[in-house]
Protein backbone atom coordinates (compact mmCIF):
# COMPACT_ATOMS: atom_id res chain seq x y z
CA MET A 1 0.00 0.00 0.00
CA ASP A 2 1.46 3.39 -0.90
CA ASP A 3 1.55 6.40 1.44
CA VAL A 4 -1.27 8.18 -0.37
CA THR A 5 -3.66 5.26 0.13
CA SER A 6 -2.55 4.58 3.69
CA ASN A 7 -3.11 8.22 4.69
CA ALA A 8 -6.39 8.53 2.81
CA PRO A 9 -9.43 8.56 5.09
CA LEU A 10 -11.62 5.52 5.52
CA ILE A 11 -14.93 6.24 3.79
CA ILE A 12 -18.06 4.36 4.81
CA ARG A 13 -20.67 4.84 2.08
CA GLY A 14 -24.40 4.55 2.62
CA ILE A 15 -24.68 1.94 -0.12
CA THR A 16 -24.80 -1.77 0.64
CA THR A 17 -22.73 -4.33 -1.18
CA GLN A 18 -25.99 -5.28 -2.96
CA GLY A 19 -26.29 -1.72 -4.29
CA SER A 20 -29.22 -0.46 -2.20
CA ARG A 21 -29.27 2.68 -0.06
CA PHE A 22 -28.72 2.14 3.63
CA ARG A 23 -31.54 3.26 5.91
CA PRO A 24 -32.42 5.31 7.86
CA SER A 25 -31.39 8.23 5.68
CA ASP A 26 -29.75 10.03 8.63
CA TRP A 27 -27.57 7.07 9.61
CA ALA A 28 -24.32 8.99 8.92
CA ASP A 29 -25.30 11.84 11.24
CA ARG A 30 -26.33 9.34 13.92
CA LEU A 31 -23.13 7.32 13.64
CA ALA A 32 -20.87 10.38 13.66
CA GLY A 33 -23.01 11.81 16.46
CA ALA A 34 -21.93 8.94 18.69
CA PHE A 35 -18.43 10.47 18.59
CA ALA A 36 -19.58 14.11 18.87
CA VAL A 37 -19.90 16.49 21.80
CA ILE A 38 -22.65 19.01 22.41
CA ASP A 39 -21.37 22.50 23.18
CA PRO A 40 -22.95 24.92 25.71
CA ASN A 41 -25.04 26.44 22.89
CA ASN A 42 -26.56 23.00 22.21
CA ARG A 43 -24.69 22.62 18.91
CA THR A 44 -23.23 19.33 17.80
CA ASN A 45 -19.46 19.39 17.35
CA TYR A 46 -18.40 16.31 15.42
CA SER A 47 -15.11 14.66 16.22
CA PRO A 48 -12.31 15.68 13.86
CA TYR A 49 -11.83 11.94 13.30
CA VAL A 50 -15.44 11.02 12.39
CA GLN A 51 -17.35 13.34 10.07
CA PRO A 52 -20.71 12.85 8.34
CA THR A 53 -20.92 14.07 4.75
CA LYS A 54 -22.54 13.39 1.40
CA LEU A 55 -20.59 12.15 -1.58
CA ASP A 56 -22.46 11.88 -4.88
CA ASN A 57 -25.62 12.62 -2.85
CA ILE A 58 -25.04 9.48 -0.74
CA PRO A 59 -24.66 9.81 3.05
CA CYS A 60 -21.17 8.80 4.12
CA VAL A 61 -18.95 8.86 7.17
CA ILE A 62 -15.35 9.98 6.72
CA VAL A 63 -13.00 8.44 9.28
CA ASP A 64 -9.52 9.88 9.76
CA LYS A 65 -7.14 6.94 10.08
CA LYS A 66 -5.41 8.69 12.99
CA LEU A 67 -8.36 7.37 15.02
CA LYS A 68 -6.84 3.90 14.64
CA THR A 69 -3.91 5.05 16.80
CA SER A 70 -5.74 7.38 19.18
CA ASP A 71 -8.73 5.08 19.83
CA PRO A 72 -8.33 1.62 18.28
CA ASP A 73 -11.62 0.39 19.78
CA ALA A 74 -13.58 3.23 18.16
CA TYR A 75 -11.87 2.58 14.82
CA ARG A 76 -12.68 -1.13 15.05
CA PHE A 77 -16.30 -0.29 16.03
CA LEU A 78 -16.72 1.81 12.87
CA GLN A 79 -15.25 -0.93 10.68
CA ASP A 80 -17.45 -3.55 12.36
CA PHE A 81 -20.52 -1.34 11.87
CA ALA A 82 -19.79 -1.04 8.16
CA ASN A 83 -19.06 -4.74 7.76
CA SER A 84 -22.07 -5.96 9.74
CA ASN A 85 -24.37 -3.71 7.71
CA GLU A 86 -22.64 -4.70 4.45
CA LEU A 87 -21.77 -1.09 3.60
CA LEU A 88 -19.24 -0.16 0.96
CA ILE A 89 -15.89 0.88 2.44
CA GLU A 90 -13.13 2.73 0.63
CA ASN A 91 -9.48 2.96 1.65
CA ALA A 92 -9.83 0.15 4.19
CA ASP A 93 -6.70 -1.23 5.81
């Protein structure tokens, strides 16, 4: 694996290996929300390691691979979530 691929974030796409959209539609916000903190103004501050986004209009979670070092259990949890729900993963280790 080259350095570009190894440093690229892990991307969990809201598409199953069978090609269907993963439900519920807000799953990425919910999953990233598990790693977020709520500030005093009641705003959600997502972890810099786990960010919800949309790519090609598909909900996704972007996982910084530095999480693997800082919190290996959290990184493994995210990979297990994707695998158990048969979601497409890019840049996996």
